Amino acid sequence: MKKLTCLFPLLFIFPFLASCSGKKEVYIVYFGEHKGDKALHEIEEHHHSYLQSVKETEEDARASLVYSYKHSINGFAAELTPEEASKLEKLAEVVSVFKSHPRKYQAHTTRSWEFVGLEEEETDDTDGRPIKNDVDDRFRVGRKFLRKAKHGDGIIVGVLDSGVWPESRSFSDKGMGPIPKSWNGICQTGVAFNSSHCNRKIIGARYYVKGYERYFGAFNVTANKDFLSPRDPDGHGSHTASTVVGRRVYGASALGGFAMGSASGGAPLARLAVYKACWAKPNAEKVDGNVCLQEDMLAAIDDAIADGVHVISISIGTTDPLPLQQDGIAIGALHAIKKNIVVAASAGNSGPKPGTLSNPAPWIITVGASTLDRAFVGGLVLGNGFTVKTESITAFKMDKFAPLVYAANVVVPGIALNDTSQCLPNSLKPELVAGKVVLCLRGAGSRIGKGIEVKRAGGAGMILGNSPANGNEIPSDSHFVATAPVTPAVVEKILEYIKTDKNPKALIKPGKTVYKYQAAPLMTGFSSRGPNVIDPNILKPDITAPGLNILAAWSGADSPSKVAVDQRVADFNIYTGTSMSCPHVSGAVALLKAIHPKWSSAAIRSALMTTAWMTNDENKPIQDANGLPANPFALGSGHFRPTKAADPGLVYDASYRAYLLYGCSVNLTNIDPTFKCPSKIPPGYNLNYPSISVPNLTKTVTVKRTVTNVGIGNSTTSTYLFNAKPPSGVSVKAIPNVLSFNRIGQKKRFKIVIKPRTGQVMNATEKGQYQFGWFSWTDSDHVVRSPIAVSLA
């Protein structure tokens, strides 16, 4: 099978095909909840009746249907003209009609679980190797937590992605018990995937290709470079799935020894259900990466709900946020919430630009990406003696110094001025590059592609320079020449050296795995940022987790670099993106579900958010990629701490009907026939959420909240005291400011009063800018902390 050409991991969804007037395209017609108790065939016939009302013949109506959503979601996907879609949208019983677009997969672990305090104590469950026992108190707490959660046993996690590589040791079912009786799913067979590939670990697998085929024609294995089955062609799905629920594999590493250790998912005894809804692009399409279509994903979510999963993990998102009534993931997730299924999704890889995050619905746990304390440390030495540590996982080495050149000085004629430094394909002049180290800058083109271009031109090595937007984050890629990624400050020094030295030269030293290398976590530059442009009354993202240079299982059908010229095969690979951070939170959710099976989805989100870290492992504020303290639009409530989330003290709970009421404030209405929006709709910020966001504050605002006592520590009663650090320019107080509880399950209401400070003088640039703070409830055992974001009009 040919290698895929996707370059950087989130499954990212964004429109890239233009529509033509009058042309039939796939639209999703959404009715909300099912009305009455109908058989599945009756529901499909009901959907057909709507198509018949706008189609000329019954044959046309049946041929146009792509999916009939019949389980929890009530709706259908069909090929319609804009005029037909408009007619259906005008019907009173229709909640929304929205056009589906192909979505691009542009990629929105040995160390990561240990980093957050979860390290197992048993012998390895696939190889029987012993695990070290010389651990500190933090790991003893983590081991106790894992034992209490039974390592996720009994929990079923559905992963929507590009499939699974079932032969990976991460998906072994050795020693696992029977499949849970609650499971209703299937093992769908297809190309290179049969019933034997499902086991007591991979308990179900499905694939969804109808929408894909409506856009690109009948599926062809050769042309599509994919498997018409749940099998993963490119590694992304296997990587995310193993991060959530992968079995422990002793001695896992990438590319000949990097990140060596025992690889394990967060919930290694949880079961995996695979829902493949993203596919390799056809050869003729001039876009990089895989495509995911909303109609396919919505069908996957509908099946996952009916199959009986407890958690859904979605490393997929839009480049441009969609209104909730047009967002297939948000709609599907809302129906999952009604069944108390927790949905976690990636925030996106469009940072650090503000307002770029995807999956902003408040019933989804939206996950940003931060770093680990692990690095793959190499070195760069210049001829003038300047030395800097770098990171690299490339296997290529330099034995001696080589001449150093700047890409902009060695390009072929005709390259656009703003592209001369980028080392884009066929831009370098071989006679000026051969045997030399080339400084290439990030900005346009892929990082891997820049190294391929240097190799094509005969270069001996590459210095990959970050732009200011990339900040100080250093992703590790499997390059094809010796490579030294460097920060913007180092780029300036190198450019000055090239400019002033007659014979500049450089030596790149290979990387080695180093732990406790730098303060961590650090927010990545690529992680998409708030504010939430769909509804600024909901603060997003919710939380952050490791997403930079994560080791996990890989597909045997693709290379570590995901480029066609790379013929290497890897069992594990190091990958970067919020696609990698999302399954970390999904794994933690699975463990919390095992410990607290009766907790709601909102309670689990609250527990994770209110117990999150705001400081790094040096007890200093978590920094952004630019070196400044990160704010909640980057890290949400902070970096997740699963062990603390098991005993949060108080939670901010919210029911399905509370979300329906919230929907009234964002025009997501008429979903449930038993619920009608009130005449006076409460503001969105009054949803009982574990954070607060108030845009355009001009006068005093009172925010209502309710907390539920879920643990009273070591005493029979518990009293929580209020504390706050207000955002600049406002005052924050709670009424009441003391909450007392005498039983588990007891609820207490309070109000947060946010008021602009009198006499506050703002300049033009400060108006409309968000300021950040927090408030907390504290007793002798718990700190229940919530971030606040306020913009002053």
Foldseek 3Di string as FASTA:
>chain_A
DFFAFAFAALQEFEFDDDDDAFFWAKKKWFQFFDDDDDDQVVLVVVQLVLLVVLDPDSVQSVVFWLDQLRFGTGITIGTDHPVSQVVSQPDPRTQDMGTKHWTFGRRLAFCFCVLLQADEQAQAQQPRHGDDDPDDPSNVLNHVLCVLLVLLAPAEEEEEAAAAFLVFQQQDCRPADAADPLFDAAADDFFPGDPVSDDSAAPAEDEFCSNVCVVVNDDDCVQFVGTPHRYHQWFLRHFLQFQQATGWDAQAAPDPRHNGGTRGHLRPRYHYHYYYQWGGDGPPDPDHGIIGILNSVLSSLSVVLVRDHQEYFRSYWYQAEDQLSHDSVNSSLLSSQQVLRAYEYEQGQAFDDEQGGGPQQQSYQYAWAWAAQKFFWWWKAKPVGDIDIFGEDAPAFDDDKFFEDAQLVFFDPPDDNVCSQAQAANGGALVVAARAEYEHEDDDDHPQRSLVSSVVSHHQEYEYEYDVLQFADHAYAHHPHQYGYGYNVVVVVVVVCNVPDPTMIMGITGTHMDGSNDWDTAFGRRTYFDDNPLANFGRDNAFYGHFGFHKGAGHQNHDQSSRRVDPDGGRIHTHGHSSNGRSSVSSLLSSLCSNPVPDGSQQLSLLFLQPADQATPVRHGHYYSNRHHDACRRGRSHHGNSSSSSAAFKGFDAHSVLSQLLCVQSSSHSNDPVDHHDPDRDHNNQRQHQAGEAFADDFKDKHKHKIFGADAPPDQKWKWAKDKDDWPQKDWDKVVRMDIDRDGGDMDMIIIIIGGDPPDDDDPVQARDKTKMKMWIDTPPHTRIYIYIYGHD
